[in-house]
N, C-alpha and C. Protein backbone atom coordinates (compact mmCIF):
# COMPACT_ATOMS: atom_id res chain seq x y z
N VAL A 1 -32.78 -9.94 14.39
CA VAL A 1 -32.45 -11.17 14.04
C VAL A 1 -30.98 -11.84 14.33
N GLN A 2 -31.41 -13.29 14.41
CA GLN A 2 -29.81 -14.22 14.78
C GLN A 2 -29.86 -15.57 13.63
N LEU A 3 -28.67 -15.52 13.54
CA LEU A 3 -28.56 -16.41 12.27
C LEU A 3 -27.34 -17.19 12.37
N VAL A 4 -27.06 -18.31 12.78
CA VAL A 4 -25.98 -19.10 13.55
C VAL A 4 -25.33 -20.64 12.75
N GLU A 5 -24.94 -20.75 12.87
CA GLU A 5 -23.87 -21.65 11.98
C GLU A 5 -23.29 -22.57 11.78
N SER A 6 -23.55 -23.40 11.22
CA SER A 6 -23.78 -24.94 11.91
C SER A 6 -22.82 -25.49 10.71
N GLY A 7 -22.32 -26.81 11.07
CA GLY A 7 -21.55 -27.65 10.87
C GLY A 7 -20.85 -28.41 9.86
N GLY A 8 -19.63 -26.78 9.53
CA GLY A 8 -18.52 -27.10 9.05
C GLY A 8 -17.55 -27.77 9.12
N GLY A 9 -16.09 -27.69 8.13
CA GLY A 9 -15.34 -29.19 8.86
C GLY A 9 -14.34 -29.15 8.20
N LEU A 10 -13.13 -29.94 8.36
CA LEU A 10 -12.50 -30.29 6.94
C LEU A 10 -13.26 -31.79 6.61
N VAL A 11 -12.58 -31.44 5.44
CA VAL A 11 -12.56 -32.98 4.40
C VAL A 11 -11.97 -33.07 3.46
N GLN A 12 -11.76 -34.11 2.78
CA GLN A 12 -11.43 -34.23 2.22
C GLN A 12 -11.73 -34.16 -0.12
N PRO A 13 -11.19 -33.61 -0.79
CA PRO A 13 -12.46 -33.20 -2.21
C PRO A 13 -12.96 -34.80 -2.22
N GLY A 14 -14.16 -34.37 -3.31
CA GLY A 14 -14.93 -34.86 -3.48
C GLY A 14 -15.98 -36.12 -2.03
N GLY A 15 -16.04 -35.15 -1.34
CA GLY A 15 -16.12 -35.36 0.46
C GLY A 15 -17.77 -34.70 0.01
N SER A 16 -18.80 -34.56 1.29
CA SER A 16 -19.29 -34.04 1.63
C SER A 16 -19.83 -33.01 2.84
N LEU A 17 -20.78 -32.58 2.73
CA LEU A 17 -20.91 -31.70 4.37
C LEU A 17 -22.46 -31.49 4.23
N ARG A 18 -22.71 -31.16 5.49
CA ARG A 18 -24.40 -30.81 5.14
C ARG A 18 -23.56 -29.07 6.79
N LEU A 19 -24.30 -28.15 5.73
CA LEU A 19 -24.69 -27.26 6.69
C LEU A 19 -25.85 -27.23 7.25
N SER A 20 -26.62 -26.21 8.80
CA SER A 20 -26.88 -25.40 9.44
C SER A 20 -27.39 -24.67 9.84
N CYS A 21 -27.88 -23.68 9.60
CA CYS A 21 -27.97 -22.05 10.28
C CYS A 21 -29.15 -22.60 10.53
N ALA A 22 -29.30 -22.03 11.74
CA ALA A 22 -30.79 -21.68 13.41
C ALA A 22 -30.82 -20.16 12.89
N ALA A 23 -32.35 -20.30 13.20
CA ALA A 23 -32.84 -18.37 12.82
C ALA A 23 -33.85 -18.72 13.50
N SER A 24 -33.32 -17.66 14.04
CA SER A 24 -34.36 -16.82 14.88
C SER A 24 -34.78 -14.73 14.89
N GLY A 25 -36.07 -14.23 15.43
CA GLY A 25 -36.15 -12.54 15.87
C GLY A 25 -36.52 -12.62 14.21
N PHE A 26 -37.06 -13.66 13.48
CA PHE A 26 -38.29 -13.15 12.81
C PHE A 26 -39.29 -13.32 12.71
N THR A 27 -39.97 -13.94 11.05
CA THR A 27 -41.19 -14.98 10.69
C THR A 27 -40.18 -15.35 10.03
N PHE A 28 -39.86 -16.63 10.23
CA PHE A 28 -38.98 -17.44 9.01
C PHE A 28 -39.48 -17.49 7.59
N SER A 29 -40.70 -17.88 7.47
CA SER A 29 -41.48 -18.70 6.65
C SER A 29 -41.30 -17.54 5.41
N ARG A 30 -41.48 -16.45 6.28
CA ARG A 30 -41.85 -14.58 5.01
C ARG A 30 -40.46 -15.11 4.17
N TYR A 31 -39.37 -14.51 4.75
CA TYR A 31 -38.36 -14.41 3.75
C TYR A 31 -37.46 -15.79 2.80
N ALA A 32 -37.60 -15.04 1.65
CA ALA A 32 -36.28 -16.05 1.26
C ALA A 32 -34.91 -15.78 1.91
N MET A 33 -34.03 -16.63 1.91
CA MET A 33 -32.32 -17.88 2.17
C MET A 33 -32.16 -17.82 1.72
N THR A 34 -30.62 -17.38 2.08
CA THR A 34 -29.35 -17.34 1.02
C THR A 34 -27.66 -17.91 1.88
N TRP A 35 -27.68 -18.42 1.00
CA TRP A 35 -26.22 -18.76 1.68
C TRP A 35 -24.89 -17.84 1.20
N TYR A 36 -24.12 -17.70 1.33
CA TYR A 36 -22.86 -17.35 0.85
C TYR A 36 -21.18 -17.32 2.01
N ARG A 37 -20.59 -17.19 0.61
CA ARG A 37 -19.37 -17.65 1.57
C ARG A 37 -17.45 -16.70 1.13
N ARG A 38 -17.52 -17.06 1.14
CA ARG A 38 -15.97 -16.17 1.55
C ARG A 38 -14.51 -16.68 1.14
N ALA A 39 -14.34 -16.83 0.62
CA ALA A 39 -13.00 -17.30 0.71
C ALA A 39 -12.18 -16.97 1.37
N PRO A 40 -11.04 -17.25 0.66
CA PRO A 40 -9.92 -16.38 1.63
C PRO A 40 -9.44 -15.34 1.14
N GLY A 41 -9.06 -14.03 0.68
CA GLY A 41 -8.82 -13.14 -0.17
C GLY A 41 -9.55 -12.48 -1.36
N LYS A 42 -10.95 -13.21 -1.36
CA LYS A 42 -12.09 -12.56 -2.41
C LYS A 42 -13.25 -12.28 -1.27
N GLU A 43 -14.43 -11.67 -2.04
CA GLU A 43 -14.75 -10.52 -1.88
C GLU A 43 -15.89 -12.39 -1.57
N ARG A 44 -17.09 -11.68 -0.22
CA ARG A 44 -18.11 -12.47 -0.04
C ARG A 44 -18.63 -13.06 -1.41
N GLU A 45 -19.45 -14.01 -1.16
CA GLU A 45 -20.59 -14.70 -2.52
C GLU A 45 -21.99 -14.90 -2.88
N LEU A 46 -22.63 -15.57 -2.80
CA LEU A 46 -24.18 -15.51 -2.90
C LEU A 46 -23.79 -16.81 -3.81
N VAL A 47 -23.97 -18.16 -2.78
CA VAL A 47 -23.70 -19.58 -3.19
C VAL A 47 -25.33 -19.75 -3.57
N ALA A 48 -26.53 -19.98 -2.98
CA ALA A 48 -27.51 -20.34 -2.76
C ALA A 48 -28.47 -19.41 -2.10
N THR A 49 -30.09 -19.42 -3.05
CA THR A 49 -30.87 -18.85 -2.38
C THR A 49 -32.31 -20.15 -2.76
N ILE A 50 -33.10 -19.55 -1.97
CA ILE A 50 -34.52 -20.28 -1.55
C ILE A 50 -35.73 -19.23 -1.32
N THR A 51 -35.87 -19.46 -1.95
CA THR A 51 -37.93 -18.16 -1.51
C THR A 51 -38.39 -18.47 -0.63
N SER A 52 -38.70 -18.40 -0.36
CA SER A 52 -39.92 -17.88 0.92
C SER A 52 -41.56 -18.90 0.90
N VAL A 53 -41.94 -19.25 1.51
CA VAL A 53 -43.09 -20.19 1.09
C VAL A 53 -43.76 -19.70 -0.14
N GLY A 54 -44.26 -18.83 0.01
CA GLY A 54 -45.29 -17.55 -1.05
C GLY A 54 -43.65 -17.54 -2.21
N GLY A 55 -43.10 -18.14 -2.33
CA GLY A 55 -42.60 -18.17 -3.79
C GLY A 55 -42.81 -19.57 -3.91
N SER A 56 -42.60 -20.15 -3.13
CA SER A 56 -42.56 -22.13 -3.02
C SER A 56 -41.43 -22.66 -2.91
N GLY A 57 -40.35 -21.89 -2.30
CA GLY A 57 -38.89 -22.93 -2.06
C GLY A 57 -38.19 -22.91 -3.16
N SER A 58 -38.57 -22.39 -4.39
CA SER A 58 -37.28 -22.57 -5.40
C SER A 58 -36.13 -21.94 -4.46
N THR A 59 -35.68 -22.39 -6.15
CA THR A 59 -33.76 -21.98 -5.64
C THR A 59 -32.43 -21.74 -6.70
N THR A 60 -32.13 -21.05 -6.62
CA THR A 60 -31.07 -20.60 -7.76
C THR A 60 -29.46 -21.01 -7.09
N TYR A 61 -28.85 -21.57 -7.71
CA TYR A 61 -27.74 -21.33 -7.27
C TYR A 61 -26.62 -20.61 -8.14
N THR A 62 -25.72 -20.16 -7.91
CA THR A 62 -24.11 -19.54 -8.74
C THR A 62 -23.91 -21.09 -9.39
N ASP A 63 -23.03 -20.50 -9.88
CA ASP A 63 -22.98 -21.33 -11.86
C ASP A 63 -21.59 -23.01 -11.07
N SER A 64 -21.02 -21.92 -9.73
CA SER A 64 -19.57 -23.36 -9.90
C SER A 64 -20.60 -23.99 -8.99
N VAL A 65 -21.58 -24.09 -7.70
CA VAL A 65 -21.82 -25.00 -7.33
C VAL A 65 -22.92 -25.67 -7.95
N LYS A 66 -23.71 -25.56 -8.94
CA LYS A 66 -25.39 -26.42 -9.43
C LYS A 66 -25.40 -28.12 -9.31
N GLY A 67 -25.79 -28.98 -9.27
CA GLY A 67 -25.22 -29.55 -9.57
C GLY A 67 -24.69 -30.83 -8.49
N ARG A 68 -24.02 -30.17 -7.27
CA ARG A 68 -23.65 -30.49 -6.70
C ARG A 68 -23.85 -29.83 -5.12
N PHE A 69 -24.29 -28.55 -5.27
CA PHE A 69 -24.86 -28.29 -3.42
C PHE A 69 -26.62 -28.22 -4.05
N THR A 70 -27.35 -28.32 -2.41
CA THR A 70 -28.94 -28.25 -3.07
C THR A 70 -29.17 -27.40 -1.20
N ILE A 71 -29.76 -26.38 -1.24
CA ILE A 71 -29.89 -25.16 -0.56
C ILE A 71 -30.94 -26.35 -0.20
N SER A 72 -31.79 -25.82 1.09
CA SER A 72 -33.33 -26.36 1.93
C SER A 72 -33.71 -25.95 2.98
N ARG A 73 -35.08 -25.37 3.08
CA ARG A 73 -35.56 -25.46 4.57
C ARG A 73 -36.32 -26.19 4.53
N ASP A 74 -36.50 -25.45 6.67
CA ASP A 74 -37.50 -26.51 7.56
C ASP A 74 -38.51 -25.33 8.25
N ASN A 75 -39.22 -24.72 7.54
CA ASN A 75 -39.63 -23.45 8.54
C ASN A 75 -40.64 -23.91 9.41
N ALA A 76 -40.44 -25.38 10.09
CA ALA A 76 -40.77 -26.05 11.42
C ALA A 76 -39.97 -25.80 12.09
N LYS A 77 -38.70 -25.39 12.40
CA LYS A 77 -37.49 -25.92 12.71
C LYS A 77 -37.22 -24.04 13.01
N ASN A 78 -37.22 -23.21 11.72
CA ASN A 78 -36.55 -21.82 11.32
C ASN A 78 -35.25 -22.57 10.67
N ALA A 79 -35.07 -23.22 10.13
CA ALA A 79 -33.54 -23.59 9.71
C ALA A 79 -33.72 -23.45 8.49
N VAL A 80 -32.23 -23.61 7.83
CA VAL A 80 -31.74 -23.26 5.94
C VAL A 80 -30.80 -24.39 6.61
N TYR A 81 -30.58 -25.11 5.56
CA TYR A 81 -29.58 -26.46 5.05
C TYR A 81 -28.96 -26.49 3.73
N LEU A 82 -27.68 -26.46 3.72
CA LEU A 82 -26.51 -26.51 2.58
C LEU A 82 -26.25 -27.94 2.22
N GLN A 83 -26.71 -29.46 1.52
CA GLN A 83 -25.84 -29.81 1.62
C GLN A 83 -25.00 -29.53 0.29
N MET A 84 -24.10 -30.17 1.35
CA MET A 84 -23.11 -29.75 0.09
C MET A 84 -21.90 -31.13 -0.80
N ASN A 85 -21.84 -31.35 -2.18
CA ASN A 85 -20.98 -33.29 -2.59
C ASN A 85 -20.07 -32.53 -3.31
N SER A 86 -19.96 -33.35 -4.19
CA SER A 86 -18.65 -33.37 -4.79
C SER A 86 -17.33 -31.66 -3.97
N LEU A 87 -17.44 -32.17 -3.48
CA LEU A 87 -16.45 -30.56 -2.58
C LEU A 87 -15.02 -30.80 -3.14
N LYS A 88 -14.93 -30.16 -4.33
CA LYS A 88 -13.10 -29.03 -4.28
C LYS A 88 -12.72 -28.36 -3.29
N PRO A 89 -11.19 -28.38 -3.82
CA PRO A 89 -10.56 -26.98 -2.72
C PRO A 89 -11.14 -25.57 -3.28
N GLU A 90 -11.56 -25.89 -4.16
CA GLU A 90 -11.37 -24.43 -4.66
C GLU A 90 -12.94 -24.05 -3.50
N ASP A 91 -14.00 -25.06 -2.87
CA ASP A 91 -15.59 -24.89 -2.35
C ASP A 91 -13.96 -23.78 -0.61
N THR A 92 -13.39 -24.80 -0.57
CA THR A 92 -12.66 -23.30 0.79
C THR A 92 -12.99 -21.88 1.23
N ALA A 93 -14.02 -21.67 2.29
CA ALA A 93 -14.12 -20.93 2.70
C ALA A 93 -14.77 -20.73 4.16
N VAL A 94 -15.26 -19.83 5.24
CA VAL A 94 -16.49 -19.43 5.56
C VAL A 94 -17.13 -19.17 4.54
N TYR A 95 -19.26 -19.81 5.45
CA TYR A 95 -20.12 -19.85 4.94
C TYR A 95 -20.34 -19.31 6.05
N TYR A 96 -21.53 -18.50 4.63
CA TYR A 96 -22.74 -17.89 6.28
C TYR A 96 -24.00 -18.01 5.19
N CYS A 97 -25.27 -18.01 6.56
CA CYS A 97 -26.28 -17.69 5.70
C CYS A 97 -26.85 -16.33 6.06
N ASN A 98 -27.73 -15.72 5.46
CA ASN A 98 -28.46 -14.82 5.45
C ASN A 98 -30.01 -14.74 5.23
N THR A 99 -30.72 -14.00 5.61
CA THR A 99 -32.00 -13.96 4.69
C THR A 99 -32.25 -12.80 3.54
N TRP A 100 -33.13 -13.38 2.77
CA TRP A 100 -33.40 -11.94 1.84
C TRP A 100 -33.85 -11.23 1.43
N PRO A 101 -34.70 -10.08 1.42
CA PRO A 101 -32.81 -8.74 1.64
C PRO A 101 -32.07 -9.20 2.93
N LEU A 102 -30.71 -8.56 2.45
CA LEU A 102 -29.95 -9.32 4.16
C LEU A 102 -29.77 -8.98 5.27
N THR A 103 -29.84 -9.54 6.29
CA THR A 103 -30.10 -9.02 7.77
C THR A 103 -28.66 -8.55 8.51
N ASN A 104 -28.55 -9.46 9.49
CA ASN A 104 -27.66 -9.23 10.52
C ASN A 104 -26.08 -10.73 9.68
N TRP A 105 -25.27 -10.62 9.35
CA TRP A 105 -24.40 -11.63 9.43
C TRP A 105 -23.89 -12.65 10.69
N GLY A 106 -23.60 -13.67 10.22
CA GLY A 106 -23.55 -14.42 12.08
C GLY A 106 -21.87 -14.94 11.89
N GLN A 107 -21.54 -15.56 12.87
CA GLN A 107 -20.14 -15.89 12.59
C GLN A 107 -19.43 -16.86 11.53
N GLY A 108 -20.90 -17.22 10.73
CA GLY A 108 -20.64 -17.88 9.81
C GLY A 108 -19.62 -19.48 10.14
N THR A 109 -19.08 -20.90 9.39
CA THR A 109 -19.07 -21.93 9.64
C THR A 109 -17.67 -22.11 8.04
N GLN A 110 -16.53 -22.73 9.13
CA GLN A 110 -15.63 -22.90 8.37
C GLN A 110 -15.42 -24.68 7.72
N VAL A 111 -15.27 -24.29 6.08
CA VAL A 111 -14.92 -25.45 5.48
C VAL A 111 -14.27 -25.88 5.18
N THR A 112 -13.27 -26.75 4.72
CA THR A 112 -11.91 -27.16 4.39
C THR A 112 -11.27 -28.01 3.41
N VAL A 113 -11.95 -27.77 1.81
CA VAL A 113 -11.56 -28.85 1.52
C VAL A 113 -9.94 -29.31 0.90
N SER A 114 -9.22 -30.03 1.78
CA SER A 114 -8.23 -29.82 1.64
C SER A 114 -7.04 -32.24 1.54
N SER A 115 -6.65 -32.83 0.70
CA SER A 115 -6.32 -33.91 1.18
C SER A 115 -5.37 -34.08 2.32
């Protein structure tokens, strides 16, 4: 299993970013996919989940990002995305994608929200 995150960066409060995760080494369409984040000094936190094709691609979010973040997947490209809007300084973290159940962690992508 290999997961490669990209798309992070520095953005002002209220801005947007779209994170991407390229997956390989497994049958992508059969797995639920997740986005986690780890803020400085905090535990890794589950941000969003999208089910597999068999689960109709339904989504769930942690309360703090509901209405601002959207998880999506492209099974043809073996990719999962996280569209992040109305970003806040408390969204600053390293963001990781993973399967569900969890497998290997990638290197993550840094998101910094600051003016």
